[in-house]
């Protein structure tokens, strides 16, 4: 059954309520104490913007190299990297975060976003070592050969 509910924020919204009549009444009563979907989304977006600003301020002293990937990957990975570096900067010295700055693959940051700080540092060290090996290999293969 569809009911129009006036939420605590003052906005009216239609809700499809199911179940027994007592369940519908309980749900309608609860919905009246909450904000509407638009206000809820706006609050969450404002919280995300504030958190991003705090993270950016915490890492503003670091020179973040550009990330490589698609535009969507770069946007998402930039947010992840900034948030993780801000947390690591608060816990560790900047020297501990220098390995993180060498990882510029956006996909890597997305794939490793749920790691704990300790596991992230181990994965960053491993990824940095792999990148160092690739860089050395590339420089060796680019050298002119002498006969």
N, C-alpha and C. Protein backbone atom coordinates (compact mmCIF):
# COMPACT_ATOMS: atom_id res chain seq x y z
N UNK A 1 0.85 -1.18 0.00
CA UNK A 1 0.00 0.00 0.00
C UNK A 1 0.89 1.24 0.00
N UNK A 2 0.57 2.19 -0.85
CA UNK A 2 1.36 3.41 -0.94
C UNK A 2 0.79 4.48 -0.01
N UNK A 3 1.69 5.06 0.79
CA UNK A 3 1.30 6.14 1.70
C UNK A 3 2.23 7.33 1.48
N UNK A 4 1.66 8.50 1.64
CA UNK A 4 2.46 9.72 1.57
C UNK A 4 2.83 10.09 3.00
N UNK A 5 4.12 10.19 3.23
CA UNK A 5 4.64 10.46 4.57
C UNK A 5 5.32 11.82 4.57
N UNK A 6 5.03 12.62 5.60
CA UNK A 6 5.74 13.87 5.81
C UNK A 6 6.87 13.56 6.79
N UNK A 7 8.10 13.69 6.31
CA UNK A 7 9.28 13.34 7.10
C UNK A 7 9.64 14.44 8.08
N UNK A 8 10.59 14.14 8.96
CA UNK A 8 11.03 15.09 9.98
C UNK A 8 11.64 16.35 9.35
N UNK A 9 12.14 16.23 8.13
CA UNK A 9 12.73 17.38 7.45
C UNK A 9 11.67 18.30 6.85
N UNK A 10 10.40 17.84 6.85
CA UNK A 10 9.31 18.63 6.32
C UNK A 10 8.91 18.28 4.90
N UNK A 11 9.67 17.41 4.26
CA UNK A 11 9.35 17.01 2.89
C UNK A 11 8.41 15.82 2.88
N UNK A 12 7.54 15.80 1.88
CA UNK A 12 6.60 14.70 1.73
C UNK A 12 7.12 13.74 0.66
N UNK A 13 6.97 12.44 0.96
CA UNK A 13 7.47 11.42 0.03
C UNK A 13 6.52 10.23 0.05
N UNK A 14 6.33 9.63 -1.11
CA UNK A 14 5.48 8.44 -1.22
C UNK A 14 6.30 7.20 -0.88
N UNK A 15 5.73 6.32 -0.09
CA UNK A 15 6.38 5.06 0.29
C UNK A 15 5.41 3.92 0.06
N UNK A 16 5.95 2.83 -0.44
CA UNK A 16 5.15 1.62 -0.62
C UNK A 16 5.36 0.75 0.61
N UNK A 17 4.36 0.66 1.45
CA UNK A 17 4.46 -0.10 2.70
C UNK A 17 3.76 -1.44 2.53
N UNK A 18 4.45 -2.50 2.96
CA UNK A 18 3.90 -3.84 2.86
C UNK A 18 3.78 -4.46 4.24
N UNK A 19 3.15 -5.60 4.30
CA UNK A 19 3.00 -6.32 5.56
C UNK A 19 1.62 -6.13 6.14
N UNK A 20 1.47 -6.62 7.36
CA UNK A 20 0.19 -6.47 8.06
C UNK A 20 -0.03 -5.00 8.38
N UNK A 21 -1.28 -4.66 8.68
CA UNK A 21 -1.64 -3.26 8.96
C UNK A 21 -0.82 -2.70 10.12
N UNK A 22 -0.60 -3.51 11.14
CA UNK A 22 0.18 -3.04 12.29
C UNK A 22 1.64 -2.76 11.88
N UNK A 23 2.16 -3.59 10.98
CA UNK A 23 3.52 -3.37 10.50
C UNK A 23 3.60 -2.10 9.67
N UNK A 24 2.59 -1.86 8.84
CA UNK A 24 2.55 -0.66 8.02
C UNK A 24 2.47 0.59 8.90
N UNK A 25 1.66 0.52 9.94
CA UNK A 25 1.53 1.66 10.85
C UNK A 25 2.85 1.94 11.56
N UNK A 26 3.51 0.87 12.01
CA UNK A 26 4.79 1.02 12.71
C UNK A 26 5.84 1.63 11.77
N UNK A 27 5.86 1.14 10.54
CA UNK A 27 6.82 1.65 9.56
C UNK A 27 6.53 3.12 9.23
N UNK A 28 5.25 3.47 9.05
CA UNK A 28 4.87 4.86 8.76
C UNK A 28 5.27 5.78 9.91
N UNK A 29 5.07 5.32 11.14
CA UNK A 29 5.43 6.10 12.32
C UNK A 29 6.94 6.34 12.36
N UNK A 30 7.70 5.30 12.05
CA UNK A 30 9.15 5.43 12.05
C UNK A 30 9.62 6.36 10.93
N UNK A 31 9.03 6.22 9.74
CA UNK A 31 9.42 7.06 8.61
C UNK A 31 9.21 8.54 8.91
N UNK A 32 8.20 8.86 9.69
CA UNK A 32 7.94 10.25 10.05
C UNK A 32 9.06 10.85 10.89
N UNK A 33 9.85 10.00 11.53
CA UNK A 33 10.95 10.49 12.37
C UNK A 33 12.27 10.62 11.60
N UNK A 34 12.28 10.20 10.33
CA UNK A 34 13.50 10.22 9.53
C UNK A 34 13.45 11.35 8.50
N UNK A 35 14.58 11.58 7.84
CA UNK A 35 14.60 12.57 6.76
C UNK A 35 14.20 11.87 5.46
N UNK A 36 13.75 12.65 4.50
CA UNK A 36 13.38 12.08 3.20
C UNK A 36 14.65 11.62 2.46
N UNK A 37 14.47 10.89 1.41
CA UNK A 37 15.62 10.35 0.66
C UNK A 37 16.52 11.45 0.14
N UNK A 38 15.95 12.51 -0.42
CA UNK A 38 16.77 13.60 -0.97
C UNK A 38 17.63 14.26 0.11
N UNK A 39 17.03 14.51 1.28
CA UNK A 39 17.79 15.12 2.38
C UNK A 39 18.86 14.17 2.90
N UNK A 40 18.53 12.87 2.96
CA UNK A 40 19.49 11.86 3.41
C UNK A 40 20.70 11.83 2.49
N UNK A 41 20.45 11.81 1.18
CA UNK A 41 21.53 11.79 0.19
C UNK A 41 22.37 13.06 0.29
N UNK A 42 21.71 14.21 0.44
CA UNK A 42 22.42 15.48 0.55
C UNK A 42 23.31 15.51 1.80
N UNK A 43 22.82 14.98 2.92
CA UNK A 43 23.61 14.91 4.15
C UNK A 43 24.84 14.03 3.96
N UNK A 44 24.66 12.88 3.33
CA UNK A 44 25.78 11.95 3.09
C UNK A 44 26.81 12.58 2.18
N UNK A 45 26.37 13.28 1.12
CA UNK A 45 27.30 13.94 0.22
C UNK A 45 28.08 15.03 0.94
N UNK A 46 27.42 15.78 1.81
CA UNK A 46 28.09 16.83 2.57
C UNK A 46 29.14 16.22 3.50
N UNK A 47 28.81 15.09 4.13
CA UNK A 47 29.76 14.40 4.99
C UNK A 47 30.98 13.93 4.20
N UNK A 48 30.74 13.40 3.00
CA UNK A 48 31.84 12.93 2.16
C UNK A 48 32.74 14.09 1.72
N UNK A 49 32.15 15.22 1.39
CA UNK A 49 32.92 16.39 0.99
C UNK A 49 33.77 16.88 2.16
N UNK A 50 33.19 16.91 3.36
CA UNK A 50 33.92 17.35 4.54
C UNK A 50 35.08 16.39 4.86
N UNK A 51 34.82 15.10 4.75
CA UNK A 51 35.88 14.11 5.01
C UNK A 51 36.99 14.23 3.97
N UNK A 52 36.63 14.45 2.71
CA UNK A 52 37.63 14.61 1.66
C UNK A 52 38.48 15.86 1.90
N UNK A 53 37.85 16.92 2.37
CA UNK A 53 38.59 18.16 2.65
C UNK A 53 39.58 17.94 3.79
N UNK A 54 39.17 17.21 4.82
CA UNK A 54 40.08 16.91 5.93
C UNK A 54 41.26 16.05 5.45
N UNK A 55 40.96 15.05 4.64
CA UNK A 55 42.02 14.18 4.12
C UNK A 55 42.99 14.97 3.24
N UNK A 56 42.45 15.82 2.39
CA UNK A 56 43.29 16.63 1.51
C UNK A 56 44.19 17.56 2.31
N UNK A 57 43.64 18.13 3.37
CA UNK A 57 44.44 19.01 4.22
C UNK A 57 45.55 18.24 4.92
N UNK A 58 45.27 17.01 5.31
CA UNK A 58 46.26 16.20 6.03
C UNK A 58 47.43 15.80 5.13
N UNK A 59 47.19 15.69 3.83
CA UNK A 59 48.27 15.27 2.91
C UNK A 59 48.73 16.41 2.00
N UNK A 60 48.35 17.63 2.32
CA UNK A 60 48.68 18.76 1.45
C UNK A 60 50.18 19.00 1.36
N UNK A 61 50.93 18.56 2.37
CA UNK A 61 52.38 18.73 2.35
C UNK A 61 53.10 17.70 1.48
N UNK A 62 52.38 16.66 1.05
CA UNK A 62 52.96 15.62 0.19
C UNK A 62 52.76 15.99 -1.28
N UNK A 63 53.71 15.62 -2.10
CA UNK A 63 53.58 15.82 -3.54
C UNK A 63 53.05 14.51 -4.12
N UNK A 64 51.76 14.50 -4.45
CA UNK A 64 51.13 13.29 -4.96
C UNK A 64 51.32 13.20 -6.47
N UNK A 65 52.01 12.16 -6.93
CA UNK A 65 52.17 12.01 -8.38
C UNK A 65 50.84 11.66 -9.03
N UNK A 66 50.67 12.00 -10.31
CA UNK A 66 49.41 11.68 -10.98
C UNK A 66 49.22 10.18 -11.10
N UNK A 67 47.98 9.76 -11.05
CA UNK A 67 47.65 8.35 -11.19
C UNK A 67 47.43 8.00 -12.65
N UNK A 68 47.65 6.73 -12.98
CA UNK A 68 47.43 6.25 -14.35
C UNK A 68 46.22 5.33 -14.35
N UNK A 69 45.36 5.49 -15.34
CA UNK A 69 44.17 4.67 -15.47
C UNK A 69 43.11 5.43 -16.24
N UNK A 70 41.89 4.89 -16.24
CA UNK A 70 40.80 5.59 -16.89
C UNK A 70 40.37 6.77 -16.02
N UNK A 71 39.59 7.67 -16.59
CA UNK A 71 39.14 8.85 -15.83
C UNK A 71 38.37 8.44 -14.58
N UNK A 72 37.49 7.45 -14.71
CA UNK A 72 36.71 6.99 -13.55
C UNK A 72 37.61 6.35 -12.50
N UNK A 73 38.57 5.54 -12.95
CA UNK A 73 39.50 4.92 -12.01
C UNK A 73 40.31 5.97 -11.28
N UNK A 74 40.80 6.95 -12.02
CA UNK A 74 41.63 7.99 -11.41
C UNK A 74 40.85 8.78 -10.37
N UNK A 75 39.61 9.14 -10.68
CA UNK A 75 38.79 9.88 -9.72
C UNK A 75 38.56 9.10 -8.44
N UNK A 76 38.22 7.82 -8.59
CA UNK A 76 37.94 6.98 -7.42
C UNK A 76 39.23 6.70 -6.65
N UNK A 77 40.29 6.35 -7.38
CA UNK A 77 41.55 6.00 -6.73
C UNK A 77 42.17 7.22 -6.03
N UNK A 78 41.99 8.41 -6.57
CA UNK A 78 42.52 9.62 -5.93
C UNK A 78 41.89 9.80 -4.55
N UNK A 79 40.60 9.59 -4.48
CA UNK A 79 39.90 9.69 -3.20
C UNK A 79 40.42 8.64 -2.21
N UNK A 80 40.56 7.42 -2.70
CA UNK A 80 41.04 6.33 -1.84
C UNK A 80 42.45 6.63 -1.35
N UNK A 81 43.34 7.01 -2.29
CA UNK A 81 44.74 7.26 -1.93
C UNK A 81 44.85 8.40 -0.92
N UNK A 82 44.13 9.48 -1.15
CA UNK A 82 44.19 10.62 -0.23
C UNK A 82 43.71 10.23 1.16
N UNK A 83 42.61 9.48 1.22
CA UNK A 83 42.07 9.04 2.51
C UNK A 83 43.05 8.13 3.24
N UNK A 84 43.63 7.17 2.52
CA UNK A 84 44.56 6.23 3.13
C UNK A 84 45.84 6.92 3.56
N UNK A 85 46.37 7.83 2.73
CA UNK A 85 47.59 8.55 3.09
C UNK A 85 47.36 9.45 4.29
N UNK A 86 46.19 10.05 4.38
CA UNK A 86 45.87 10.89 5.54
C UNK A 86 45.89 10.04 6.81
N UNK A 87 45.31 8.86 6.75
CA UNK A 87 45.30 7.97 7.92
C UNK A 87 46.71 7.51 8.26
N UNK A 88 47.51 7.17 7.25
CA UNK A 88 48.87 6.73 7.49
C UNK A 88 49.75 7.86 8.00
N UNK A 89 49.53 9.06 7.49
CA UNK A 89 50.32 10.21 7.92
C UNK A 89 50.06 10.51 9.40
N UNK A 90 48.83 10.31 9.84
CA UNK A 90 48.51 10.53 11.25
C UNK A 90 49.17 9.49 12.14
N UNK A 91 49.34 8.27 11.62
CA UNK A 91 49.89 7.18 12.41
C UNK A 91 51.41 7.06 12.30
N UNK A 92 51.96 7.37 11.16
CA UNK A 92 53.38 7.15 10.88
C UNK A 92 54.05 8.44 10.47
N UNK A 93 55.35 8.33 10.25
CA UNK A 93 56.08 9.48 9.73
C UNK A 93 55.88 9.56 8.22
N UNK A 94 56.22 10.70 7.65
CA UNK A 94 56.08 10.87 6.20
C UNK A 94 56.98 9.90 5.44
N UNK A 95 58.09 9.51 6.05
CA UNK A 95 59.00 8.57 5.39
C UNK A 95 58.32 7.23 5.15
N UNK A 96 57.46 6.82 6.08
CA UNK A 96 56.75 5.56 5.92
C UNK A 96 55.77 5.62 4.74
N UNK A 97 55.31 6.82 4.41
CA UNK A 97 54.34 6.98 3.33
C UNK A 97 54.99 7.18 1.97
N UNK A 98 56.31 7.32 1.94
CA UNK A 98 56.97 7.60 0.67
C UNK A 98 56.80 6.46 -0.32
N UNK A 99 56.75 5.22 0.17
CA UNK A 99 56.53 4.08 -0.73
C UNK A 99 55.16 4.18 -1.38
N UNK A 100 54.19 4.70 -0.64
CA UNK A 100 52.83 4.85 -1.20
C UNK A 100 52.81 5.81 -2.38
N UNK A 101 53.68 6.79 -2.35
CA UNK A 101 53.72 7.79 -3.40
C UNK A 101 54.27 7.23 -4.71
N UNK A 102 54.98 6.10 -4.62
CA UNK A 102 55.55 5.50 -5.84
C UNK A 102 54.54 4.64 -6.58
N UNK A 103 53.42 4.30 -5.93
CA UNK A 103 52.39 3.49 -6.59
C UNK A 103 51.43 4.45 -7.29
N UNK A 104 51.47 4.44 -8.62
CA UNK A 104 50.67 5.39 -9.40
C UNK A 104 49.60 4.73 -10.24
N UNK A 105 49.40 3.44 -10.05
CA UNK A 105 48.37 2.72 -10.81
C UNK A 105 47.03 2.86 -10.08
N UNK A 106 46.07 3.51 -10.72
CA UNK A 106 44.76 3.74 -10.10
C UNK A 106 44.08 2.43 -9.75
N UNK A 107 44.18 1.44 -10.62
CA UNK A 107 43.56 0.14 -10.38
C UNK A 107 44.12 -0.50 -9.11
N UNK A 108 45.41 -0.33 -8.87
CA UNK A 108 46.03 -0.91 -7.68
C UNK A 108 45.38 -0.34 -6.42
N UNK A 109 45.19 0.98 -6.38
CA UNK A 109 44.59 1.62 -5.20
C UNK A 109 43.16 1.14 -4.99
N UNK A 110 42.42 0.96 -6.07
CA UNK A 110 41.04 0.49 -5.97
C UNK A 110 41.01 -0.95 -5.47
N UNK A 111 41.88 -1.79 -6.03
CA UNK A 111 41.91 -3.20 -5.64
C UNK A 111 42.34 -3.41 -4.20
N UNK A 112 43.14 -2.49 -3.65
CA UNK A 112 43.67 -2.65 -2.30
C UNK A 112 43.02 -1.71 -1.28
N UNK A 113 41.86 -1.17 -1.59
CA UNK A 113 41.22 -0.16 -0.75
C UNK A 113 40.76 -0.68 0.61
N UNK A 114 40.50 -1.98 0.73
CA UNK A 114 39.97 -2.52 1.98
C UNK A 114 41.03 -3.12 2.90
N UNK A 115 42.30 -3.02 2.54
CA UNK A 115 43.35 -3.59 3.37
C UNK A 115 43.53 -2.79 4.65
N UNK A 116 43.99 -3.48 5.69
CA UNK A 116 44.35 -2.77 6.92
C UNK A 116 45.60 -1.95 6.64
N UNK A 117 45.94 -1.03 7.54
CA UNK A 117 47.11 -0.18 7.33
C UNK A 117 48.39 -1.01 7.22
N UNK A 118 48.53 -2.01 8.06
CA UNK A 118 49.72 -2.87 8.04
C UNK A 118 49.80 -3.63 6.72
N UNK A 119 48.69 -4.22 6.30
CA UNK A 119 48.67 -4.97 5.04
C UNK A 119 48.88 -4.04 3.85
N UNK A 120 48.34 -2.81 3.93
CA UNK A 120 48.52 -1.85 2.86
C UNK A 120 50.00 -1.50 2.72
N UNK A 121 50.68 -1.26 3.81
CA UNK A 121 52.10 -0.93 3.75
C UNK A 121 52.91 -2.08 3.17
N UNK A 122 52.55 -3.32 3.53
CA UNK A 122 53.25 -4.49 2.96
C UNK A 122 52.99 -4.59 1.46
N UNK A 123 51.76 -4.37 1.04
CA UNK A 123 51.41 -4.43 -0.38
C UNK A 123 52.09 -3.30 -1.16
N UNK A 124 52.17 -2.12 -0.56
CA UNK A 124 52.83 -0.99 -1.20
C UNK A 124 54.31 -1.28 -1.39
N UNK A 125 54.93 -1.85 -0.38
CA UNK A 125 56.35 -2.19 -0.47
C UNK A 125 56.58 -3.19 -1.59
N UNK A 126 55.73 -4.19 -1.67
CA UNK A 126 55.84 -5.20 -2.72
C UNK A 126 55.63 -4.56 -4.10
N UNK A 127 54.60 -3.72 -4.23
CA UNK A 127 54.33 -3.06 -5.51
C UNK A 127 55.47 -2.13 -5.90
N UNK A 128 56.05 -1.43 -4.94
CA UNK A 128 57.16 -0.53 -5.22
C UNK A 128 58.37 -1.32 -5.70
N UNK A 129 58.63 -2.45 -5.06
CA UNK A 129 59.75 -3.31 -5.48
C UNK A 129 59.54 -3.79 -6.90
N UNK A 130 58.32 -4.19 -7.24
CA UNK A 130 58.03 -4.66 -8.60
C UNK A 130 58.22 -3.53 -9.59
N UNK A 131 57.77 -2.32 -9.25
CA UNK A 131 57.94 -1.18 -10.15
C UNK A 131 59.42 -0.85 -10.33
N UNK A 132 60.20 -0.97 -9.25
CA UNK A 132 61.63 -0.70 -9.34
C UNK A 132 62.30 -1.70 -10.29
N UNK A 133 61.92 -2.96 -10.18
CA UNK A 133 62.48 -3.99 -11.06
C UNK A 133 62.10 -3.71 -12.51
N UNK A 134 60.86 -3.34 -12.75
CA UNK A 134 60.42 -3.02 -14.11
C UNK A 134 61.18 -1.82 -14.67
N UNK A 135 61.41 -0.82 -13.83
CA UNK A 135 62.13 0.37 -14.28
C UNK A 135 63.56 0.02 -14.64
N UNK A 136 64.22 -0.80 -13.83
CA UNK A 136 65.59 -1.20 -14.11
C UNK A 136 65.64 -2.04 -15.39
N UNK A 137 64.70 -2.97 -15.53
CA UNK A 137 64.64 -3.81 -16.73
C UNK A 137 64.41 -2.97 -17.97
N UNK A 138 63.52 -1.99 -17.87
CA UNK A 138 63.25 -1.12 -19.02
C UNK A 138 64.48 -0.30 -19.38
N UNK A 139 65.21 0.18 -18.39
CA UNK A 139 66.39 0.97 -18.70
C UNK A 139 67.48 0.12 -19.31
N UNK A 140 67.57 -1.16 -18.92
CA UNK A 140 68.57 -2.06 -19.49
C UNK A 140 68.22 -2.37 -20.94
N UNK A 141 66.95 -2.63 -21.21
CA UNK A 141 66.55 -2.97 -22.58
C UNK A 141 66.60 -1.76 -23.50
N UNK A 142 66.53 -0.56 -22.94
CA UNK A 142 66.61 0.66 -23.75
C UNK A 142 68.04 1.09 -24.05
N UNK A 143 69.02 0.46 -23.40
CA UNK A 143 70.42 0.83 -23.61
C UNK A 143 70.85 0.43 -25.03
N UNK A 144 71.64 1.27 -25.67
CA UNK A 144 72.14 0.88 -26.99
C UNK A 144 73.16 -0.24 -26.85
N UNK A 145 73.12 -1.16 -27.75
CA UNK A 145 74.03 -2.30 -27.70
C UNK A 145 75.30 -1.97 -28.47
N UNK A 146 76.38 -2.36 -27.89
CA UNK A 146 77.66 -2.15 -28.57
C UNK A 146 78.18 -3.48 -29.07
N UNK A 147 78.81 -3.45 -30.19
CA UNK A 147 79.28 -4.70 -30.77
C UNK A 147 80.69 -5.00 -30.42
